[in-house]
Amino acid sequence: MASPNAVKVRRIYESPLPEDGTRILVDRLWPRGLTKEKARIDHWYKAIAPSPQLRKWYAHDPELFEEFSRRYRAELDAPEALAALDQLRTLAGRGPLTLLTATKEPSISEAAVLCTLITEGTHPSNT
């Protein structure tokens, strides 16, 4: 289990910080208007992103975040997503980890859900 301080959630459009550690993009789509050089990511985990259907349903409506979180955790039970989540936990155990998203409000994004799962060390369907 990673330290809560070892995993952060940030917008990919913010300038990288030295304390970011390993920078992982967790969105399915590449952020608009951002070059790969400027993003300065270490990895892009498309497999762990919410399905297009869930993303469109949610539309980052704060009132839907709790239900989005429940549905997203159910999606994370898929083998490929579980493997990616295990990789993120391994990276977090090695040092600082920053989960990046293009959303305007990272605190109600898939990155926030992942951050909780990584720091609590829980299985997606157990929370």
N, C-alpha and C. Protein backbone atom coordinates (compact mmCIF):
# COMPACT_ATOMS: atom_id res chain seq x y z
N MET A 1 0.85 -1.18 0.00
CA MET A 1 0.00 0.00 0.00
C MET A 1 0.89 1.24 0.00
N ALA A 2 0.54 2.18 -0.86
CA ALA A 2 1.33 3.40 -0.99
C ALA A 2 0.92 4.43 0.05
N SER A 3 1.85 5.27 0.42
CA SER A 3 1.54 6.39 1.30
C SER A 3 0.60 7.34 0.59
N PRO A 4 -0.41 7.89 1.30
CA PRO A 4 -1.31 8.85 0.65
C PRO A 4 -0.57 10.04 0.05
N ASN A 5 0.57 10.40 0.63
CA ASN A 5 1.34 11.52 0.12
C ASN A 5 2.17 11.16 -1.11
N ALA A 6 2.30 9.85 -1.37
CA ALA A 6 3.13 9.40 -2.48
C ALA A 6 2.38 9.44 -3.81
N VAL A 7 1.04 9.54 -3.77
CA VAL A 7 0.23 9.55 -4.98
C VAL A 7 -0.53 10.87 -5.05
N LYS A 8 -0.37 11.55 -6.19
CA LYS A 8 -1.06 12.84 -6.39
C LYS A 8 -1.87 12.77 -7.67
N VAL A 9 -2.85 13.66 -7.75
CA VAL A 9 -3.66 13.82 -8.95
C VAL A 9 -3.49 15.26 -9.42
N ARG A 10 -3.15 15.42 -10.71
CA ARG A 10 -2.96 16.77 -11.25
C ARG A 10 -3.49 16.83 -12.67
N ARG A 11 -3.71 18.04 -13.13
CA ARG A 11 -4.07 18.26 -14.53
C ARG A 11 -2.81 18.16 -15.38
N ILE A 12 -2.94 17.53 -16.51
CA ILE A 12 -1.78 17.38 -17.40
C ILE A 12 -1.35 18.72 -17.98
N TYR A 13 -2.24 19.69 -17.99
CA TYR A 13 -1.89 21.01 -18.54
C TYR A 13 -1.04 21.84 -17.58
N GLU A 14 -0.92 21.41 -16.33
CA GLU A 14 -0.06 22.12 -15.37
C GLU A 14 1.39 21.74 -15.63
N SER A 15 2.27 22.66 -15.39
CA SER A 15 3.70 22.39 -15.59
C SER A 15 4.17 21.28 -14.66
N PRO A 16 5.01 20.38 -15.17
CA PRO A 16 5.56 19.32 -14.32
C PRO A 16 6.36 19.90 -13.16
N LEU A 17 6.30 19.22 -12.04
CA LEU A 17 7.05 19.61 -10.84
C LEU A 17 8.07 18.53 -10.52
N PRO A 18 9.20 18.90 -9.94
CA PRO A 18 10.21 17.89 -9.59
C PRO A 18 9.66 16.82 -8.66
N GLU A 19 8.74 17.19 -7.78
CA GLU A 19 8.19 16.23 -6.80
C GLU A 19 7.10 15.34 -7.39
N ASP A 20 6.78 15.50 -8.68
CA ASP A 20 5.77 14.65 -9.32
C ASP A 20 6.19 13.18 -9.35
N GLY A 21 7.47 12.93 -9.42
CA GLY A 21 7.92 11.54 -9.55
C GLY A 21 7.51 10.99 -10.91
N THR A 22 7.02 9.78 -10.92
CA THR A 22 6.56 9.15 -12.15
C THR A 22 5.22 9.76 -12.55
N ARG A 23 5.14 10.21 -13.80
CA ARG A 23 3.92 10.88 -14.29
C ARG A 23 3.18 9.96 -15.26
N ILE A 24 1.93 9.64 -14.90
CA ILE A 24 1.13 8.70 -15.68
C ILE A 24 -0.15 9.38 -16.15
N LEU A 25 -0.39 9.38 -17.45
CA LEU A 25 -1.65 9.86 -18.00
C LEU A 25 -2.66 8.72 -17.92
N VAL A 26 -3.83 8.97 -17.32
CA VAL A 26 -4.82 7.91 -17.14
C VAL A 26 -6.10 8.17 -17.95
N ASP A 27 -6.04 9.08 -18.90
CA ASP A 27 -7.17 9.34 -19.80
C ASP A 27 -7.08 8.43 -21.02
N ARG A 28 -8.22 8.13 -21.61
CA ARG A 28 -8.25 7.31 -22.82
C ARG A 28 -7.83 8.11 -24.05
N LEU A 29 -8.18 9.40 -24.06
CA LEU A 29 -7.88 10.27 -25.20
C LEU A 29 -6.70 11.19 -24.87
N TRP A 30 -5.89 11.46 -25.90
CA TRP A 30 -4.77 12.38 -25.70
C TRP A 30 -5.33 13.79 -25.49
N PRO A 31 -4.79 14.55 -24.53
CA PRO A 31 -5.27 15.91 -24.26
C PRO A 31 -5.11 16.85 -25.46
N ARG A 32 -6.15 17.59 -25.72
CA ARG A 32 -6.14 18.52 -26.86
C ARG A 32 -5.09 19.61 -26.70
N GLY A 33 -4.43 19.90 -27.81
CA GLY A 33 -3.50 21.02 -27.84
C GLY A 33 -2.21 20.81 -27.08
N LEU A 34 -1.90 19.59 -26.68
CA LEU A 34 -0.71 19.33 -25.88
C LEU A 34 0.21 18.37 -26.64
N THR A 35 1.46 18.77 -26.80
CA THR A 35 2.41 17.88 -27.45
C THR A 35 2.94 16.88 -26.42
N LYS A 36 3.45 15.78 -26.92
CA LYS A 36 4.01 14.77 -26.02
C LYS A 36 5.24 15.31 -25.29
N GLU A 37 5.99 16.17 -25.96
CA GLU A 37 7.18 16.75 -25.33
C GLU A 37 6.77 17.65 -24.15
N LYS A 38 5.74 18.44 -24.36
CA LYS A 38 5.30 19.36 -23.31
C LYS A 38 4.63 18.63 -22.15
N ALA A 39 3.96 17.53 -22.44
CA ALA A 39 3.26 16.76 -21.39
C ALA A 39 4.24 16.12 -20.41
N ARG A 40 5.38 15.72 -20.92
CA ARG A 40 6.42 15.09 -20.10
C ARG A 40 5.87 13.99 -19.21
N ILE A 41 5.26 12.99 -19.86
CA ILE A 41 4.74 11.84 -19.12
C ILE A 41 5.72 10.68 -19.22
N ASP A 42 5.65 9.80 -18.24
CA ASP A 42 6.47 8.59 -18.27
C ASP A 42 5.73 7.44 -18.93
N HIS A 43 4.41 7.40 -18.74
CA HIS A 43 3.58 6.34 -19.31
C HIS A 43 2.18 6.88 -19.57
N TRP A 44 1.49 6.20 -20.49
CA TRP A 44 0.10 6.52 -20.80
C TRP A 44 -0.69 5.23 -20.65
N TYR A 45 -1.51 5.14 -19.63
CA TYR A 45 -2.30 3.94 -19.34
C TYR A 45 -3.72 4.10 -19.86
N LYS A 46 -3.90 3.91 -21.15
CA LYS A 46 -5.23 4.00 -21.75
C LYS A 46 -6.14 2.89 -21.21
N ALA A 47 -5.59 1.72 -20.95
CA ALA A 47 -6.38 0.56 -20.54
C ALA A 47 -7.11 0.77 -19.22
N ILE A 48 -6.65 1.70 -18.42
CA ILE A 48 -7.25 1.90 -17.11
C ILE A 48 -8.30 3.02 -17.13
N ALA A 49 -8.44 3.68 -18.25
CA ALA A 49 -9.40 4.79 -18.36
C ALA A 49 -10.84 4.25 -18.40
N PRO A 50 -11.80 5.06 -17.99
CA PRO A 50 -13.20 4.64 -18.09
C PRO A 50 -13.60 4.38 -19.54
N SER A 51 -14.57 3.52 -19.72
CA SER A 51 -15.07 3.24 -21.07
C SER A 51 -15.64 4.52 -21.68
N PRO A 52 -15.65 4.60 -23.00
CA PRO A 52 -16.25 5.77 -23.65
C PRO A 52 -17.70 5.98 -23.23
N GLN A 53 -18.45 4.90 -23.05
CA GLN A 53 -19.85 5.01 -22.65
C GLN A 53 -19.97 5.64 -21.26
N LEU A 54 -19.15 5.18 -20.33
CA LEU A 54 -19.19 5.72 -18.97
C LEU A 54 -18.74 7.18 -18.96
N ARG A 55 -17.70 7.46 -19.69
CA ARG A 55 -17.18 8.84 -19.75
C ARG A 55 -18.24 9.80 -20.29
N LYS A 56 -18.93 9.39 -21.35
CA LYS A 56 -19.96 10.24 -21.94
C LYS A 56 -21.16 10.39 -20.99
N TRP A 57 -21.55 9.30 -20.34
CA TRP A 57 -22.66 9.36 -19.39
C TRP A 57 -22.34 10.33 -18.25
N TYR A 58 -21.14 10.22 -17.72
CA TYR A 58 -20.73 11.02 -16.57
C TYR A 58 -20.61 12.51 -16.92
N ALA A 59 -19.92 12.81 -17.98
CA ALA A 59 -19.71 14.19 -18.44
C ALA A 59 -19.19 15.12 -17.33
N HIS A 60 -18.51 14.57 -16.37
CA HIS A 60 -17.91 15.31 -15.24
C HIS A 60 -18.92 16.15 -14.48
N ASP A 61 -20.12 15.62 -14.34
CA ASP A 61 -21.17 16.27 -13.54
C ASP A 61 -20.91 15.94 -12.07
N PRO A 62 -20.57 16.92 -11.24
CA PRO A 62 -20.26 16.65 -9.84
C PRO A 62 -21.34 15.86 -9.11
N GLU A 63 -22.57 16.05 -9.47
CA GLU A 63 -23.66 15.32 -8.80
C GLU A 63 -23.66 13.83 -9.14
N LEU A 64 -23.00 13.45 -10.21
CA LEU A 64 -22.94 12.05 -10.63
C LEU A 64 -21.65 11.34 -10.20
N PHE A 65 -20.76 12.06 -9.50
CA PHE A 65 -19.45 11.49 -9.20
C PHE A 65 -19.55 10.19 -8.39
N GLU A 66 -20.40 10.13 -7.39
CA GLU A 66 -20.50 8.92 -6.57
C GLU A 66 -20.92 7.72 -7.42
N GLU A 67 -21.91 7.91 -8.27
CA GLU A 67 -22.35 6.81 -9.14
C GLU A 67 -21.28 6.50 -10.20
N PHE A 68 -20.63 7.53 -10.74
CA PHE A 68 -19.53 7.32 -11.67
C PHE A 68 -18.44 6.46 -11.01
N SER A 69 -18.09 6.82 -9.79
CA SER A 69 -17.06 6.09 -9.07
C SER A 69 -17.43 4.62 -8.92
N ARG A 70 -18.68 4.34 -8.57
CA ARG A 70 -19.14 2.96 -8.41
C ARG A 70 -19.05 2.20 -9.74
N ARG A 71 -19.53 2.82 -10.80
CA ARG A 71 -19.51 2.17 -12.12
C ARG A 71 -18.08 1.99 -12.64
N TYR A 72 -17.26 2.98 -12.39
CA TYR A 72 -15.86 2.90 -12.84
C TYR A 72 -15.13 1.78 -12.11
N ARG A 73 -15.35 1.67 -10.82
CA ARG A 73 -14.71 0.59 -10.05
C ARG A 73 -15.13 -0.78 -10.59
N ALA A 74 -16.38 -0.89 -11.01
CA ALA A 74 -16.85 -2.15 -11.61
C ALA A 74 -16.08 -2.43 -12.90
N GLU A 75 -15.84 -1.40 -13.70
CA GLU A 75 -15.06 -1.58 -14.93
C GLU A 75 -13.62 -2.00 -14.64
N LEU A 76 -13.10 -1.56 -13.52
CA LEU A 76 -11.71 -1.87 -13.17
C LEU A 76 -11.52 -3.33 -12.78
N ASP A 77 -12.60 -4.10 -12.68
CA ASP A 77 -12.50 -5.53 -12.41
C ASP A 77 -12.05 -6.33 -13.63
N ALA A 78 -12.03 -5.70 -14.79
CA ALA A 78 -11.57 -6.38 -16.01
C ALA A 78 -10.08 -6.71 -15.88
N PRO A 79 -9.65 -7.86 -16.39
CA PRO A 79 -8.25 -8.29 -16.22
C PRO A 79 -7.21 -7.25 -16.66
N GLU A 80 -7.41 -6.61 -17.80
CA GLU A 80 -6.43 -5.64 -18.29
C GLU A 80 -6.35 -4.43 -17.36
N ALA A 81 -7.50 -3.98 -16.87
CA ALA A 81 -7.53 -2.83 -15.95
C ALA A 81 -6.91 -3.20 -14.61
N LEU A 82 -7.19 -4.41 -14.11
CA LEU A 82 -6.59 -4.85 -12.85
C LEU A 82 -5.07 -4.93 -12.96
N ALA A 83 -4.58 -5.40 -14.10
CA ALA A 83 -3.13 -5.47 -14.31
C ALA A 83 -2.52 -4.07 -14.30
N ALA A 84 -3.19 -3.11 -14.95
CA ALA A 84 -2.70 -1.74 -14.97
C ALA A 84 -2.73 -1.14 -13.57
N LEU A 85 -3.78 -1.42 -12.80
CA LEU A 85 -3.87 -0.93 -11.43
C LEU A 85 -2.74 -1.51 -10.58
N ASP A 86 -2.43 -2.78 -10.75
CA ASP A 86 -1.31 -3.39 -10.03
C ASP A 86 0.01 -2.72 -10.40
N GLN A 87 0.18 -2.38 -11.68
CA GLN A 87 1.40 -1.68 -12.11
C GLN A 87 1.49 -0.31 -11.46
N LEU A 88 0.36 0.39 -11.37
CA LEU A 88 0.37 1.70 -10.71
C LEU A 88 0.73 1.56 -9.23
N ARG A 89 0.22 0.54 -8.59
CA ARG A 89 0.56 0.30 -7.17
C ARG A 89 2.05 0.02 -7.01
N THR A 90 2.61 -0.74 -7.93
CA THR A 90 4.04 -1.03 -7.89
C THR A 90 4.85 0.26 -8.04
N LEU A 91 4.46 1.08 -9.01
CA LEU A 91 5.15 2.36 -9.21
C LEU A 91 5.04 3.25 -7.98
N ALA A 92 3.87 3.28 -7.36
CA ALA A 92 3.67 4.11 -6.16
C ALA A 92 4.52 3.60 -5.00
N GLY A 93 4.77 2.31 -4.97
CA GLY A 93 5.62 1.75 -3.91
C GLY A 93 7.09 2.09 -4.08
N ARG A 94 7.46 2.51 -5.27
CA ARG A 94 8.86 2.84 -5.57
C ARG A 94 9.18 4.32 -5.36
N GLY A 95 8.15 5.15 -5.28
CA GLY A 95 8.39 6.58 -5.12
C GLY A 95 7.17 7.38 -5.51
N PRO A 96 7.31 8.70 -5.53
CA PRO A 96 6.15 9.54 -5.86
C PRO A 96 5.54 9.18 -7.21
N LEU A 97 4.22 9.24 -7.26
CA LEU A 97 3.47 8.93 -8.46
C LEU A 97 2.42 10.01 -8.67
N THR A 98 2.35 10.54 -9.88
CA THR A 98 1.35 11.56 -10.20
C THR A 98 0.48 11.04 -11.31
N LEU A 99 -0.83 10.97 -11.03
CA LEU A 99 -1.82 10.56 -12.01
C LEU A 99 -2.33 11.81 -12.71
N LEU A 100 -2.25 11.82 -14.02
CA LEU A 100 -2.58 13.00 -14.80
C LEU A 100 -3.86 12.82 -15.59
N THR A 101 -4.64 13.88 -15.65
CA THR A 101 -5.88 13.90 -16.40
C THR A 101 -6.07 15.27 -17.03
N ALA A 102 -6.81 15.31 -18.11
CA ALA A 102 -7.07 16.58 -18.79
C ALA A 102 -8.32 17.27 -18.25
N THR A 103 -9.08 16.59 -17.42
CA THR A 103 -10.32 17.18 -16.93
C THR A 103 -10.06 18.47 -16.16
N LYS A 104 -11.04 19.35 -16.17
CA LYS A 104 -10.89 20.63 -15.49
C LYS A 104 -10.93 20.48 -13.97
N GLU A 105 -11.56 19.44 -13.48
CA GLU A 105 -11.67 19.23 -12.03
C GLU A 105 -11.16 17.82 -11.67
N PRO A 106 -9.86 17.69 -11.46
CA PRO A 106 -9.27 16.37 -11.20
C PRO A 106 -9.84 15.66 -9.97
N SER A 107 -10.36 16.40 -9.01
CA SER A 107 -10.86 15.77 -7.78
C SER A 107 -12.12 14.94 -8.01
N ILE A 108 -12.76 15.10 -9.19
CA ILE A 108 -13.93 14.28 -9.51
C ILE A 108 -13.70 13.54 -10.83
N SER A 109 -12.49 13.02 -10.98
CA SER A 109 -12.11 12.32 -12.21
C SER A 109 -11.75 10.87 -11.90
N GLU A 110 -11.49 10.11 -12.96
CA GLU A 110 -11.04 8.73 -12.77
C GLU A 110 -9.70 8.71 -12.04
N ALA A 111 -8.88 9.75 -12.21
CA ALA A 111 -7.59 9.81 -11.52
C ALA A 111 -7.80 9.85 -10.01
N ALA A 112 -8.83 10.56 -9.55
CA ALA A 112 -9.11 10.62 -8.10
C ALA A 112 -9.54 9.25 -7.58
N VAL A 113 -10.35 8.55 -8.36
CA VAL A 113 -10.79 7.20 -7.97
C VAL A 113 -9.57 6.28 -7.89
N LEU A 114 -8.71 6.34 -8.89
CA LEU A 114 -7.51 5.51 -8.90
C LEU A 114 -6.60 5.84 -7.73
N CYS A 115 -6.44 7.11 -7.42
CA CYS A 115 -5.60 7.53 -6.31
C CYS A 115 -6.08 6.88 -5.01
N THR A 116 -7.38 6.89 -4.80
CA THR A 116 -7.95 6.27 -3.59
C THR A 116 -7.67 4.77 -3.58
N LEU A 117 -7.89 4.10 -4.69
CA LEU A 117 -7.64 2.66 -4.75
C LEU A 117 -6.17 2.33 -4.50
N ILE A 118 -5.27 3.13 -5.03
CA ILE A 118 -3.84 2.88 -4.86
C ILE A 118 -3.43 3.11 -3.41
N THR A 119 -3.85 4.21 -2.83
CA THR A 119 -3.41 4.53 -1.47
C THR A 119 -4.07 3.64 -0.42
N GLU A 120 -5.29 3.17 -0.69
CA GLU A 120 -5.96 2.29 0.28
C GLU A 120 -5.60 0.83 0.06
N GLY A 121 -5.08 0.51 -1.14
CA GLY A 121 -4.70 -0.86 -1.43
C GLY A 121 -5.89 -1.80 -1.55
N THR A 122 -7.06 -1.28 -1.89
CA THR A 122 -8.26 -2.10 -1.96
C THR A 122 -8.54 -2.57 -3.38
N HIS A 123 -9.31 -3.62 -3.47
CA HIS A 123 -9.76 -4.12 -4.77
C HIS A 123 -10.89 -3.21 -5.25
N PRO A 124 -10.97 -2.94 -6.54
CA PRO A 124 -11.98 -1.99 -7.04
C PRO A 124 -13.41 -2.31 -6.60
N SER A 125 -13.80 -3.57 -6.57
CA SER A 125 -15.19 -3.88 -6.24
C SER A 125 -15.44 -3.98 -4.73
N ASN A 126 -14.40 -3.81 -3.93
CA ASN A 126 -14.56 -3.91 -2.47
C ASN A 126 -14.78 -2.56 -1.79
N THR A 127 -14.83 -1.50 -2.55
CA THR A 127 -14.94 -0.18 -1.92
C THR A 127 -16.29 0.42 -2.16
